[in-house]
PDB file of all heavy atoms in Angstrom:
ATOM      1  N   ARG A   1      -2.340  31.825  26.258  1.00  0.00           N
ATOM      2  CA  ARG A   1      -1.365  32.910  26.261  1.00  0.00           C
ATOM      3  C   ARG A   1      -1.130  33.359  27.688  1.00  0.00           C
ATOM      4  O   ARG A   1      -2.085  33.526  28.460  1.00  0.00           O
ATOM      5  CB  ARG A   1      -1.871  34.063  25.390  1.00  0.00           C
ATOM      6  CG  ARG A   1      -0.957  35.249  25.278  1.00  0.00           C
ATOM      7  CD  ARG A   1      -1.490  36.196  24.214  1.00  0.00           C
ATOM      8  NE  ARG A   1      -0.754  37.453  24.188  1.00  0.00           N
ATOM      9  CZ  ARG A   1      -0.946  38.414  23.309  1.00  0.00           C
ATOM     10  NH1 ARG A   1      -1.864  38.271  22.354  1.00  0.00           N
ATOM     11  NH2 ARG A   1      -0.223  39.524  23.363  1.00  0.00           N
ATOM     12  N   ASP A   2       0.130  33.566  28.048  1.00  0.00           N
ATOM     13  CA  ASP A   2       0.522  34.088  29.336  1.00  0.00           C
ATOM     14  C   ASP A   2       1.227  35.403  29.067  1.00  0.00           C
ATOM     15  O   ASP A   2       2.426  35.432  28.741  1.00  0.00           O
ATOM     16  CB  ASP A   2       1.429  33.102  30.063  1.00  0.00           C
ATOM     17  CG  ASP A   2       1.739  33.548  31.486  1.00  0.00           C
ATOM     18  OD1 ASP A   2       1.638  34.744  31.791  1.00  0.00           O
ATOM     19  OD2 ASP A   2       2.110  32.684  32.308  1.00  0.00           O
ATOM     20  N   ASN A   3       0.510  36.502  29.212  1.00  0.00           N
ATOM     21  CA  ASN A   3       1.071  37.812  28.875  1.00  0.00           C
ATOM     22  C   ASN A   3       2.232  38.198  29.791  1.00  0.00           C
ATOM     23  O   ASN A   3       3.164  38.874  29.355  1.00  0.00           O
ATOM     24  CB  ASN A   3      -0.024  38.878  28.931  1.00  0.00           C
ATOM     25  CG  ASN A   3      -1.023  38.734  27.807  1.00  0.00           C
ATOM     26  OD1 ASN A   3      -0.693  38.304  26.720  1.00  0.00           O
ATOM     27  ND2 ASN A   3      -2.269  39.101  28.074  1.00  0.00           N
ATOM     28  N   ALA A   4       2.158  37.789  31.052  1.00  0.00           N
ATOM     29  CA  ALA A   4       3.227  38.129  31.984  1.00  0.00           C
ATOM     30  C   ALA A   4       4.553  37.485  31.597  1.00  0.00           C
ATOM     31  O   ALA A   4       5.606  37.996  31.933  1.00  0.00           O
ATOM     32  CB  ALA A   4       2.839  37.708  33.388  1.00  0.00           C
ATOM     33  N   LYS A   5       4.489  36.386  30.885  1.00  0.00           N
ATOM     34  CA  LYS A   5       5.686  35.667  30.452  1.00  0.00           C
ATOM     35  C   LYS A   5       5.976  35.827  28.968  1.00  0.00           C
ATOM     36  O   LYS A   5       6.915  35.198  28.460  1.00  0.00           O
ATOM     37  CB  LYS A   5       5.568  34.175  30.780  1.00  0.00           C
ATOM     38  CG  LYS A   5       5.448  33.880  32.265  1.00  0.00           C
ATOM     39  CD  LYS A   5       5.368  32.389  32.531  1.00  0.00           C
ATOM     40  CE  LYS A   5       5.299  32.088  34.018  1.00  0.00           C
ATOM     41  NZ  LYS A   5       5.206  30.633  34.280  1.00  0.00           N
ATOM     42  N   ASN A   6       5.192  36.631  28.281  1.00  0.00           N
ATOM     43  CA  ASN A   6       5.360  36.830  26.832  1.00  0.00           C
ATOM     44  C   ASN A   6       5.390  35.487  26.100  1.00  0.00           C
ATOM     45  O   ASN A   6       6.194  35.261  25.205  1.00  0.00           O
ATOM     46  CB  ASN A   6       6.614  37.633  26.527  1.00  0.00           C
ATOM     47  CG  ASN A   6       6.536  39.055  26.992  1.00  0.00           C
ATOM     48  OD1 ASN A   6       5.450  39.634  27.098  1.00  0.00           O
ATOM     49  ND2 ASN A   6       7.690  39.650  27.285  1.00  0.00           N
ATOM     50  N   THR A   7       4.476  34.609  26.483  1.00  0.00           N
ATOM     51  CA  THR A   7       4.499  33.249  25.991  1.00  0.00           C
ATOM     52  C   THR A   7       3.118  32.844  25.448  1.00  0.00           C
ATOM     53  O   THR A   7       2.099  33.185  26.028  1.00  0.00           O
ATOM     54  CB  THR A   7       4.903  32.271  27.106  1.00  0.00           C
ATOM     55  OG1 THR A   7       6.218  32.615  27.580  1.00  0.00           O
ATOM     56  CG2 THR A   7       4.930  30.837  26.574  1.00  0.00           C
ATOM     57  N   VAL A   8       3.146  32.126  24.341  1.00  0.00           N
ATOM     58  CA  VAL A   8       1.932  31.550  23.774  1.00  0.00           C
ATOM     59  C   VAL A   8       2.149  30.043  23.648  1.00  0.00           C
ATOM     60  O   VAL A   8       3.244  29.584  23.345  1.00  0.00           O
ATOM     61  CB  VAL A   8       1.572  32.199  22.423  1.00  0.00           C
ATOM     62  CG1 VAL A   8       2.634  31.904  21.363  1.00  0.00           C
ATOM     63  CG2 VAL A   8       0.198  31.738  21.940  1.00  0.00           C
ATOM     64  N   TYR A   9       1.099  29.291  23.903  1.00  0.00           N
ATOM     65  CA  TYR A   9       1.157  27.839  23.865  1.00  0.00           C
ATOM     66  C   TYR A   9       0.166  27.304  22.833  1.00  0.00           C
ATOM     67  O   TYR A   9      -0.853  27.929  22.528  1.00  0.00           O
ATOM     68  CB  TYR A   9       0.788  27.233  25.213  1.00  0.00           C
ATOM     69  CG  TYR A   9       1.632  27.733  26.371  1.00  0.00           C
ATOM     70  CD1 TYR A   9       1.214  28.828  27.120  1.00  0.00           C
ATOM     71  CD2 TYR A   9       2.829  27.107  26.718  1.00  0.00           C
ATOM     72  CE1 TYR A   9       1.980  29.284  28.188  1.00  0.00           C
ATOM     73  CE2 TYR A   9       3.597  27.556  27.764  1.00  0.00           C
ATOM     74  CZ  TYR A   9       3.160  28.649  28.517  1.00  0.00           C
ATOM     75  OH  TYR A   9       3.919  29.092  29.574  1.00  0.00           O
ATOM     76  N   LEU A  10       0.453  26.132  22.320  1.00  0.00           N
ATOM     77  CA  LEU A  10      -0.476  25.391  21.487  1.00  0.00           C
ATOM     78  C   LEU A  10      -0.588  23.988  22.036  1.00  0.00           C
ATOM     79  O   LEU A  10       0.377  23.208  21.965  1.00  0.00           O
ATOM     80  CB  LEU A  10      -0.018  25.356  20.025  1.00  0.00           C
ATOM     81  CG  LEU A  10      -1.006  24.721  19.058  1.00  0.00           C
ATOM     82  CD1 LEU A  10      -2.271  25.576  18.928  1.00  0.00           C
ATOM     83  CD2 LEU A  10      -0.371  24.517  17.684  1.00  0.00           C
ATOM     84  N   HIS A  11      -1.734  23.700  22.632  1.00  0.00           N
ATOM     85  CA  HIS A  11      -2.000  22.360  23.172  1.00  0.00           C
ATOM     86  C   HIS A  11      -2.651  21.532  22.077  1.00  0.00           C
ATOM     87  O   HIS A  11      -3.727  21.857  21.620  1.00  0.00           O
ATOM     88  CB  HIS A  11      -2.917  22.454  24.378  1.00  0.00           C
ATOM     89  CG  HIS A  11      -2.442  23.390  25.453  1.00  0.00           C
ATOM     90  ND1 HIS A  11      -2.658  24.754  25.381  1.00  0.00           N
ATOM     91  CD2 HIS A  11      -1.770  23.160  26.601  1.00  0.00           C
ATOM     92  CE1 HIS A  11      -2.135  25.338  26.468  1.00  0.00           C
ATOM     93  NE2 HIS A  11      -1.580  24.380  27.207  1.00  0.00           N
ATOM     94  N   MET A  12      -1.989  20.463  21.666  1.00  0.00           N
ATOM     95  CA  MET A  12      -2.450  19.642  20.561  1.00  0.00           C
ATOM     96  C   MET A  12      -2.833  18.268  21.088  1.00  0.00           C
ATOM     97  O   MET A  12      -1.995  17.557  21.631  1.00  0.00           O
ATOM     98  CB  MET A  12      -1.362  19.524  19.496  1.00  0.00           C
ATOM     99  CG  MET A  12      -0.856  20.867  18.965  1.00  0.00           C
ATOM    100  SD  MET A  12       0.320  20.711  17.615  1.00  0.00           S
ATOM    101  CE  MET A  12       1.690  19.950  18.507  1.00  0.00           C
ATOM    102  N   ASN A  13      -4.096  17.925  20.897  1.00  0.00           N
ATOM    103  CA  ASN A  13      -4.621  16.632  21.318  1.00  0.00           C
ATOM    104  C   ASN A  13      -5.151  15.869  20.120  1.00  0.00           C
ATOM    105  O   ASN A  13      -5.439  16.431  19.073  1.00  0.00           O
ATOM    106  CB  ASN A  13      -5.736  16.821  22.355  1.00  0.00           C
ATOM    107  CG  ASN A  13      -5.277  17.535  23.598  1.00  0.00           C
ATOM    108  OD1 ASN A  13      -4.248  17.190  24.175  1.00  0.00           O
ATOM    109  ND2 ASN A  13      -6.062  18.521  24.036  1.00  0.00           N
ATOM    110  N   SER A  14      -5.332  14.571  20.296  1.00  0.00           N
ATOM    111  CA  SER A  14      -5.881  13.709  19.245  1.00  0.00           C
ATOM    112  C   SER A  14      -5.176  13.955  17.915  1.00  0.00           C
ATOM    113  O   SER A  14      -5.799  14.136  16.877  1.00  0.00           O
ATOM    114  CB  SER A  14      -7.406  13.944  19.089  1.00  0.00           C
ATOM    115  OG  SER A  14      -8.068  13.684  20.296  1.00  0.00           O
ATOM    116  N   LEU A  15      -3.862  13.935  17.955  1.00  0.00           N
ATOM    117  CA  LEU A  15      -3.078  14.251  16.780  1.00  0.00           C
ATOM    118  C   LEU A  15      -3.275  13.229  15.671  1.00  0.00           C
ATOM    119  O   LEU A  15      -3.433  12.034  15.934  1.00  0.00           O
ATOM    120  CB  LEU A  15      -1.606  14.364  17.152  1.00  0.00           C
ATOM    121  CG  LEU A  15      -1.224  15.661  17.856  1.00  0.00           C
ATOM    122  CD1 LEU A  15       0.100  15.528  18.589  1.00  0.00           C
ATOM    123  CD2 LEU A  15      -1.154  16.809  16.836  1.00  0.00           C
ATOM    124  N   LYS A  16      -3.247  13.727  14.436  1.00  0.00           N
ATOM    125  CA  LYS A  16      -3.405  12.908  13.255  1.00  0.00           C
ATOM    126  C   LYS A  16      -2.163  13.020  12.380  1.00  0.00           C
ATOM    127  O   LYS A  16      -1.441  14.006  12.443  1.00  0.00           O
ATOM    128  CB  LYS A  16      -4.630  13.389  12.453  1.00  0.00           C
ATOM    129  CG  LYS A  16      -5.932  13.429  13.227  1.00  0.00           C
ATOM    130  CD  LYS A  16      -7.037  14.043  12.377  1.00  0.00           C
ATOM    131  CE  LYS A  16      -8.346  14.094  13.141  1.00  0.00           C
ATOM    132  NZ  LYS A  16      -9.421  14.703  12.322  1.00  0.00           N
ATOM    133  N   PRO A  17      -1.913  12.012  11.530  1.00  0.00           N
ATOM    134  CA  PRO A  17      -0.756  12.102  10.650  1.00  0.00           C
ATOM    135  C   PRO A  17      -0.757  13.362   9.784  1.00  0.00           C
ATOM    136  O   PRO A  17       0.320  13.911   9.503  1.00  0.00           O
ATOM    137  CB  PRO A  17      -0.892  10.847   9.776  1.00  0.00           C
ATOM    138  CG  PRO A  17      -1.576   9.868  10.660  1.00  0.00           C
ATOM    139  CD  PRO A  17      -2.563  10.702  11.460  1.00  0.00           C
ATOM    140  N   GLU A  18      -1.918  13.864   9.411  1.00  0.00           N
ATOM    141  CA  GLU A  18      -1.994  15.070   8.601  1.00  0.00           C
ATOM    142  C   GLU A  18      -1.622  16.345   9.361  1.00  0.00           C
ATOM    143  O   GLU A  18      -1.496  17.404   8.770  1.00  0.00           O
ATOM    144  CB  GLU A  18      -3.385  15.229   7.973  1.00  0.00           C
ATOM    145  CG  GLU A  18      -4.530  15.113   8.949  1.00  0.00           C
ATOM    146  CD  GLU A  18      -5.151  13.725   8.954  1.00  0.00           C
ATOM    147  OE1 GLU A  18      -4.395  12.735   8.973  1.00  0.00           O
ATOM    148  OE2 GLU A  18      -6.394  13.630   8.948  1.00  0.00           O
ATOM    149  N   ASP A  19      -1.427  16.228  10.675  1.00  0.00           N
ATOM    150  CA  ASP A  19      -0.929  17.354  11.459  1.00  0.00           C
ATOM    151  C   ASP A  19       0.599  17.491  11.353  1.00  0.00           C
ATOM    152  O   ASP A  19       1.162  18.472  11.829  1.00  0.00           O
ATOM    153  CB  ASP A  19      -1.290  17.211  12.923  1.00  0.00           C
ATOM    154  CG  ASP A  19      -2.798  17.286  13.181  1.00  0.00           C
ATOM    155  OD1 ASP A  19      -3.463  18.130  12.564  1.00  0.00           O
ATOM    156  OD2 ASP A  19      -3.288  16.487  13.989  1.00  0.00           O
ATOM    157  N   THR A  20       1.246  16.536  10.724  1.00  0.00           N
ATOM    158  CA  THR A  20       2.699  16.571  10.572  1.00  0.00           C
ATOM    159  C   THR A  20       3.113  17.796   9.767  1.00  0.00           C
ATOM    160  O   THR A  20       2.644  18.003   8.659  1.00  0.00           O
ATOM    161  CB  THR A  20       3.206  15.300   9.881  1.00  0.00           C
ATOM    162  OG1 THR A  20       2.948  14.164  10.726  1.00  0.00           O
ATOM    163  CG2 THR A  20       4.694  15.386   9.627  1.00  0.00           C
ATOM    164  N   ALA A  21       3.988  18.611  10.359  1.00  0.00           N
ATOM    165  CA  ALA A  21       4.420  19.849   9.733  1.00  0.00           C
ATOM    166  C   ALA A  21       5.458  20.515  10.609  1.00  0.00           C
ATOM    167  O   ALA A  21       5.670  20.115  11.745  1.00  0.00           O
ATOM    168  CB  ALA A  21       3.240  20.797   9.512  1.00  0.00           C
ATOM    169  N   VAL A  22       6.088  21.553  10.059  1.00  0.00           N
ATOM    170  CA  VAL A  22       6.867  22.457  10.867  1.00  0.00           C
ATOM    171  C   VAL A  22       5.941  23.531  11.389  1.00  0.00           C
ATOM    172  O   VAL A  22       5.216  24.161  10.611  1.00  0.00           O
ATOM    173  CB  VAL A  22       8.037  23.089  10.096  1.00  0.00           C
ATOM    174  CG1 VAL A  22       8.780  24.088  10.956  1.00  0.00           C
ATOM    175  CG2 VAL A  22       8.980  22.016   9.572  1.00  0.00           C
ATOM    176  N   TYR A  23       5.929  23.728  12.686  1.00  0.00           N
ATOM    177  CA  TYR A  23       5.052  24.682  13.319  1.00  0.00           C
ATOM    178  C   TYR A  23       5.818  25.946  13.683  1.00  0.00           C
ATOM    179  O   TYR A  23       6.894  25.877  14.291  1.00  0.00           O
ATOM    180  CB  TYR A  23       4.391  24.091  14.572  1.00  0.00           C
ATOM    181  CG  TYR A  23       3.289  23.130  14.264  1.00  0.00           C
ATOM    182  CD1 TYR A  23       3.554  21.885  13.697  1.00  0.00           C
ATOM    183  CD2 TYR A  23       1.949  23.458  14.500  1.00  0.00           C
ATOM    184  CE1 TYR A  23       2.537  21.022  13.375  1.00  0.00           C
ATOM    185  CE2 TYR A  23       0.928  22.586  14.197  1.00  0.00           C
ATOM    186  CZ  TYR A  23       1.215  21.365  13.628  1.00  0.00           C
ATOM    187  OH  TYR A  23       0.203  20.494  13.327  1.00  0.00           O
ATOM    188  N   TYR A  24       5.292  27.094  13.282  1.00  0.00           N
ATOM    189  CA  TYR A  24       5.959  28.365  13.470  1.00  0.00           C
ATOM    190  C   TYR A  24       5.136  29.273  14.403  1.00  0.00           C
ATOM    191  O   TYR A  24       3.915  29.374  14.253  1.00  0.00           O
ATOM    192  CB  TYR A  24       6.136  29.093  12.135  1.00  0.00           C
ATOM    193  CG  TYR A  24       7.052  28.397  11.173  1.00  0.00           C
ATOM    194  CD1 TYR A  24       6.528  27.505  10.237  1.00  0.00           C
ATOM    195  CD2 TYR A  24       8.425  28.637  11.167  1.00  0.00           C
ATOM    196  CE1 TYR A  24       7.364  26.863   9.323  1.00  0.00           C
ATOM    197  CE2 TYR A  24       9.240  28.005  10.268  1.00  0.00           C
ATOM    198  CZ  TYR A  24       8.708  27.113   9.343  1.00  0.00           C
ATOM    199  OH  TYR A  24       9.537  26.493   8.446  1.00  0.00           O
ATOM    200  N   CYS A  25       5.813  29.925  15.297  1.00  0.00           N
ATOM    201  CA  CYS A  25       5.212  30.928  16.151  1.00  0.00           C
ATOM    202  C   CYS A  25       5.266  32.294  15.464  1.00  0.00           C
ATOM    203  O   CYS A  25       6.255  32.622  14.790  1.00  0.00           O
ATOM    204  CB  CYS A  25       5.972  30.984  17.488  1.00  0.00           C
ATOM    205  SG  CYS A  25       5.360  32.222  18.644  1.00  0.00           S
ATOM    206  N   ASN A  26       4.216  33.052  15.608  1.00  0.00           N
ATOM    207  CA  ASN A  26       4.132  34.399  15.042  1.00  0.00           C
ATOM    208  C   ASN A  26       3.601  35.368  16.075  1.00  0.00           C
ATOM    209  O   ASN A  26       2.717  35.025  16.870  1.00  0.00           O
ATOM    210  CB  ASN A  26       3.230  34.385  13.807  1.00  0.00           C
ATOM    211  CG  ASN A  26       2.912  35.771  13.296  1.00  0.00           C
ATOM    212  OD1 ASN A  26       1.857  36.328  13.579  1.00  0.00           O
ATOM    213  ND2 ASN A  26       3.839  36.329  12.533  1.00  0.00           N
ATOM    214  N   ALA A  27       4.131  36.588  16.069  1.00  0.00           N
ATOM    215  CA  ALA A  27       3.640  37.603  16.996  1.00  0.00           C
ATOM    216  C   ALA A  27       3.789  38.981  16.374  1.00  0.00           C
ATOM    217  O   ALA A  27       4.769  39.270  15.687  1.00  0.00           O
ATOM    218  CB  ALA A  27       4.408  37.545  18.319  1.00  0.00           C
ATOM    219  N   ASP A  28       2.802  39.827  16.623  1.00  0.00           N
ATOM    220  CA  ASP A  28       2.825  41.217  16.223  1.00  0.00           C
ATOM    221  C   ASP A  28       3.342  42.011  17.422  1.00  0.00           C
ATOM    222  O   ASP A  28       2.647  42.140  18.419  1.00  0.00           O
ATOM    223  CB  ASP A  28       1.434  41.660  15.795  1.00  0.00           C
ATOM    224  CG  ASP A  28       1.377  43.087  15.312  1.00  0.00           C
ATOM    225  OD1 ASP A  28       2.431  43.611  14.856  1.00  0.00           O
ATOM    226  OD2 ASP A  28       0.293  43.685  15.365  1.00  0.00           O
ATOM    227  N   ILE A  29       4.570  42.529  17.310  1.00  0.00           N
ATOM    228  CA  ILE A  29       5.258  43.104  18.450  1.00  0.00           C
ATOM    229  C   ILE A  29       5.725  44.534  18.168  1.00  0.00           C
ATOM    230  O   ILE A  29       6.244  44.823  17.084  1.00  0.00           O
ATOM    231  CB  ILE A  29       6.492  42.248  18.849  1.00  0.00           C
ATOM    232  CG1 ILE A  29       6.040  40.861  19.279  1.00  0.00           C
ATOM    233  CG2 ILE A  29       7.289  42.912  19.970  1.00  0.00           C
ATOM    234  CD1 ILE A  29       7.178  39.901  19.531  1.00  0.00           C
ATOM    235  N   ARG A  30       5.518  45.406  19.125  1.00  0.00           N
ATOM    236  CA  ARG A  30       6.078  46.747  19.109  1.00  0.00           C
ATOM    237  C   ARG A  30       7.314  46.758  19.977  1.00  0.00           C
ATOM    238  O   ARG A  30       7.217  46.674  21.193  1.00  0.00           O
ATOM    239  CB  ARG A  30       5.047  47.773  19.603  1.00  0.00           C
ATOM    240  CG  ARG A  30       5.477  49.220  19.440  1.00  0.00           C
ATOM    241  CD  ARG A  30       4.385  50.152  19.935  1.00  0.00           C
ATOM    242  NE  ARG A  30       4.716  51.543  19.667  1.00  0.00           N
ATOM    243  CZ  ARG A  30       3.964  52.581  20.034  1.00  0.00           C
ATOM    244  NH1 ARG A  30       2.820  52.362  20.669  1.00  0.00           N
ATOM    245  NH2 ARG A  30       4.329  53.817  19.737  1.00  0.00           N
ATOM    246  N   PRO A  31       8.516  46.876  19.381  1.00  0.00           N
ATOM    247  CA  PRO A  31       9.758  46.757  20.158  1.00  0.00           C
ATOM    248  C   PRO A  31       9.968  47.892  21.164  1.00  0.00           C
ATOM    249  O   PRO A  31      10.486  47.642  22.257  1.00  0.00           O
ATOM    250  CB  PRO A  31      10.862  46.765  19.098  1.00  0.00           C
ATOM    251  CG  PRO A  31      10.158  46.342  17.832  1.00  0.00           C
ATOM    252  CD  PRO A  31       8.780  46.922  17.957  1.00  0.00           C
ATOM    253  N   ASN A  32       9.618  49.118  20.772  1.00  0.00           N
ATOM    254  CA  ASN A  32       9.754  50.258  21.670  1.00  0.00           C
ATOM    255  C   ASN A  32       8.778  51.343  21.267  1.00  0.00           C
ATOM    256  O   ASN A  32       8.136  51.260  20.208  1.00  0.00           O
ATOM    257  CB  ASN A  32      11.206  50.782  21.688  1.00  0.00           C
ATOM    258  CG  ASN A  32      11.687  51.242  20.319  1.00  0.00           C
ATOM    259  OD1 ASN A  32      11.246  52.287  19.825  1.00  0.00           O
ATOM    260  ND2 ASN A  32      12.583  50.481  19.729  1.00  0.00           N
ATOM    261  N   ILE A  33       8.689  52.361  22.076  1.00  0.00           N
ATOM    262  CA  ILE A  33       7.684  53.395  21.881  1.00  0.00           C
ATOM    263  C   ILE A  33       7.906  54.214  20.623  1.00  0.00           C
ATOM    264  O   ILE A  33       6.976  54.860  20.116  1.00  0.00           O
ATOM    265  CB  ILE A  33       7.601  54.312  23.129  1.00  0.00           C
ATOM    266  CG1 ILE A  33       6.311  55.110  23.139  1.00  0.00           C
ATOM    267  CG2 ILE A  33       8.832  55.220  23.193  1.00  0.00           C
ATOM    268  CD1 ILE A  33       6.040  55.799  24.440  1.00  0.00           C
ATOM    269  N   ALA A  34       9.124  54.202  20.079  1.00  0.00           N
ATOM    270  CA  ALA A  34       9.462  55.048  18.937  1.00  0.00           C
ATOM    271  C   ALA A  34       9.102  54.412  17.589  1.00  0.00           C
ATOM    272  O   ALA A  34       9.184  55.093  16.553  1.00  0.00           O
ATOM    273  CB  ALA A  34      10.964  55.362  18.956  1.00  0.00           C
ATOM    274  N   VAL A  35       8.723  53.140  17.567  1.00  0.00           N
ATOM    275  CA  VAL A  35       8.441  52.471  16.313  1.00  0.00           C
ATOM    276  C   VAL A  35       7.091  51.764  16.349  1.00  0.00           C
ATOM    277  O   VAL A  35       6.550  51.490  17.420  1.00  0.00           O
ATOM    278  CB  VAL A  35       9.538  51.438  15.956  1.00  0.00           C
ATOM    279  CG1 VAL A  35      10.908  52.123  15.866  1.00  0.00           C
ATOM    280  CG2 VAL A  35       9.592  50.321  16.991  1.00  0.00           C
ATOM    281  N   ARG A  36       6.572  51.466  15.150  1.00  0.00           N
ATOM    282  CA  ARG A  36       5.321  50.736  15.035  1.00  0.00           C
ATOM    283  C   ARG A  36       5.573  49.237  15.219  1.00  0.00           C
ATOM    284  O   ARG A  36       6.711  48.753  15.096  1.00  0.00           O
ATOM    285  CB  ARG A  36       4.699  50.995  13.654  1.00  0.00           C
ATOM    286  CG  ARG A  36       4.314  52.430  13.400  1.00  0.00           C
ATOM    287  CD  ARG A  36       3.802  52.602  11.989  1.00  0.00           C
ATOM    288  NE  ARG A  36       2.606  51.792  11.737  1.00  0.00           N
ATOM    289  CZ  ARG A  36       2.008  51.709  10.562  1.00  0.00           C
ATOM    290  NH1 ARG A  36       2.479  52.398   9.507  1.00  0.00           N
ATOM    291  NH2 ARG A  36       0.937  50.965  10.408  1.00  0.00           N
ATOM    292  N   SER A  37       4.522  48.517  15.482  1.00  0.00           N
ATOM    293  CA  SER A  37       4.634  47.076  15.621  1.00  0.00           C
ATOM    294  C   SER A  37       4.798  46.420  14.253  1.00  0.00           C
ATOM    295  O   SER A  37       4.437  46.967  13.221  1.00  0.00           O
ATOM    296  CB  SER A  37       3.404  46.494  16.328  1.00  0.00           C
ATOM    297  OG  SER A  37       2.254  46.668  15.524  1.00  0.00           O
ATOM    298  N   SER A  38       5.369  45.222  14.266  1.00  0.00           N
ATOM    299  CA  SER A  38       5.524  44.441  13.044  1.00  0.00           C
ATOM    300  C   SER A  38       5.552  42.955  13.403  1.00  0.00           C
ATOM    301  O   SER A  38       5.681  42.588  14.564  1.00  0.00           O
ATOM    302  CB  SER A  38       6.819  44.826  12.296  1.00  0.00           C
ATOM    303  OG  SER A  38       7.954  44.618  13.095  1.00  0.00           O
ATOM    304  N   ASP A  39       5.427  42.112  12.393  1.00  0.00           N
ATOM    305  CA  ASP A  39       5.386  40.659  12.602  1.00  0.00           C
ATOM    306  C   ASP A  39       6.778  40.098  12.822  1.00  0.00           C
ATOM    307  O   ASP A  39       7.734  40.467  12.159  1.00  0.00           O
ATOM    308  CB  ASP A  39       4.768  39.970  11.385  1.00  0.00           C
ATOM    309  CG  ASP A  39       3.258  39.880  11.472  1.00  0.00           C
ATOM    310  OD1 ASP A  39       2.697  40.188  12.534  1.00  0.00           O
ATOM    311  OD2 ASP A  39       2.642  39.494  10.450  1.00  0.00           O
ATOM    312  N   TYR A  40       6.853  39.144  13.753  1.00  0.00           N
ATOM    313  CA  TYR A  40       8.060  38.384  14.021  1.00  0.00           C
ATOM    314  C   TYR A  40       7.741  36.910  13.949  1.00  0.00           C
ATOM    315  O   TYR A  40       6.623  36.492  14.289  1.00  0.00           O
ATOM    316  CB  TYR A  40       8.638  38.736  15.378  1.00  0.00           C
ATOM    317  CG  TYR A  40       9.202  40.149  15.466  1.00  0.00           C
ATOM    318  CD1 TYR A  40       8.366  41.222  15.707  1.00  0.00           C
ATOM    319  CD2 TYR A  40      10.559  40.393  15.287  1.00  0.00           C
ATOM    320  CE1 TYR A  40       8.860  42.517  15.765  1.00  0.00           C
ATOM    321  CE2 TYR A  40      11.058  41.680  15.334  1.00  0.00           C
ATOM    322  CZ  TYR A  40      10.212  42.744  15.575  1.00  0.00           C
ATOM    323  OH  TYR A  40      10.709  44.028  15.629  1.00  0.00           O
ATOM    324  N   TRP A  41       8.720  36.104  13.531  1.00  0.00           N
ATOM    325  CA  TRP A  41       8.561  34.685  13.369  1.00  0.00           C
ATOM    326  C   TRP A  41       9.617  33.907  14.106  1.00  0.00           C
ATOM    327  O   TRP A  41      10.783  34.333  14.171  1.00  0.00           O
ATOM    328  CB  TRP A  41       8.606  34.286  11.885  1.00  0.00           C
ATOM    329  CG  TRP A  41       7.453  34.791  11.088  1.00  0.00           C
ATOM    330  CD1 TRP A  41       7.353  35.981  10.435  1.00  0.00           C
ATOM    331  CD2 TRP A  41       6.228  34.111  10.845  1.00  0.00           C
ATOM    332  NE1 TRP A  41       6.146  36.078   9.805  1.00  0.00           N
ATOM    333  CE2 TRP A  41       5.426  34.954  10.040  1.00  0.00           C
ATOM    334  CE3 TRP A  41       5.718  32.862  11.213  1.00  0.00           C
ATOM    335  CZ2 TRP A  41       4.149  34.572   9.598  1.00  0.00           C
ATOM    336  CZ3 TRP A  41       4.455  32.483  10.804  1.00  0.00           C
ATOM    337  CH2 TRP A  41       3.699  33.349   9.998  1.00  0.00           C
ATOM    338  N   GLY A  42       9.230  32.772  14.667  1.00  0.00           N
ATOM    339  CA  GLY A  42      10.206  31.849  15.220  1.00  0.00           C
ATOM    340  C   GLY A  42      10.851  31.012  14.144  1.00  0.00           C
ATOM    341  O   GLY A  42      10.485  31.070  12.961  1.00  0.00           O
ATOM    342  N   GLN A  43      11.801  30.198  14.541  1.00  0.00           N
ATOM    343  CA  GLN A  43      12.533  29.338  13.597  1.00  0.00           C
ATOM    344  C   GLN A  43      11.727  28.113  13.188  1.00  0.00           C
ATOM    345  O   GLN A  43      12.050  27.481  12.175  1.00  0.00           O
ATOM    346  CB  GLN A  43      13.868  28.921  14.197  1.00  0.00           C
ATOM    347  CG  GLN A  43      14.873  30.036  14.369  1.00  0.00           C
ATOM    348  CD  GLN A  43      15.281  30.645  13.052  1.00  0.00           C
ATOM    349  OE1 GLN A  43      14.973  31.800  12.774  1.00  0.00           O
ATOM    350  NE2 GLN A  43      15.947  29.862  12.217  1.00  0.00           N
ATOM    351  N   GLY A  44      10.734  27.761  13.958  1.00  0.00           N
ATOM    352  CA  GLY A  44       9.935  26.580  13.675  1.00  0.00           C
ATOM    353  C   GLY A  44      10.341  25.360  14.478  1.00  0.00           C
ATOM    354  O   GLY A  44      11.514  25.232  14.848  1.00  0.00           O
ATOM    355  N   THR A  45       9.392  24.513  14.745  1.00  0.00           N
ATOM    356  CA  THR A  45       9.659  23.256  15.438  1.00  0.00           C
ATOM    357  C   THR A  45       8.904  22.140  14.742  1.00  0.00           C
ATOM    358  O   THR A  45       7.733  22.302  14.349  1.00  0.00           O
ATOM    359  CB  THR A  45       9.266  23.365  16.929  1.00  0.00           C
ATOM    360  OG1 THR A  45       9.622  22.151  17.610  1.00  0.00           O
ATOM    361  CG2 THR A  45       7.779  23.614  17.110  1.00  0.00           C
ATOM    362  N   GLN A  46       9.575  21.021  14.527  1.00  0.00           N
ATOM    363  CA  GLN A  46       9.002  19.916  13.765  1.00  0.00           C
ATOM    364  C   GLN A  46       8.053  19.094  14.628  1.00  0.00           C
ATOM    365  O   GLN A  46       8.403  18.675  15.738  1.00  0.00           O
ATOM    366  CB  GLN A  46      10.106  18.998  13.218  1.00  0.00           C
ATOM    367  CG  GLN A  46       9.602  17.771  12.468  1.00  0.00           C
ATOM    368  CD  GLN A  46       8.978  18.120  11.133  1.00  0.00           C
ATOM    369  OE1 GLN A  46       9.555  18.881  10.359  1.00  0.00           O
ATOM    370  NE2 GLN A  46       7.797  17.567  10.878  1.00  0.00           N
TER     371      GLN A  46
END
């Protein structure tokens, strides 16, 4: 995770056929000071 860039990475090595899937990013984010945080999802990558 690189907090300065608001970025998370997944380094995948020794991949197996059973790793085949759509991978989704998830983050618990507080958009502004007036609201509570909630979960957000990416669109997914194959």
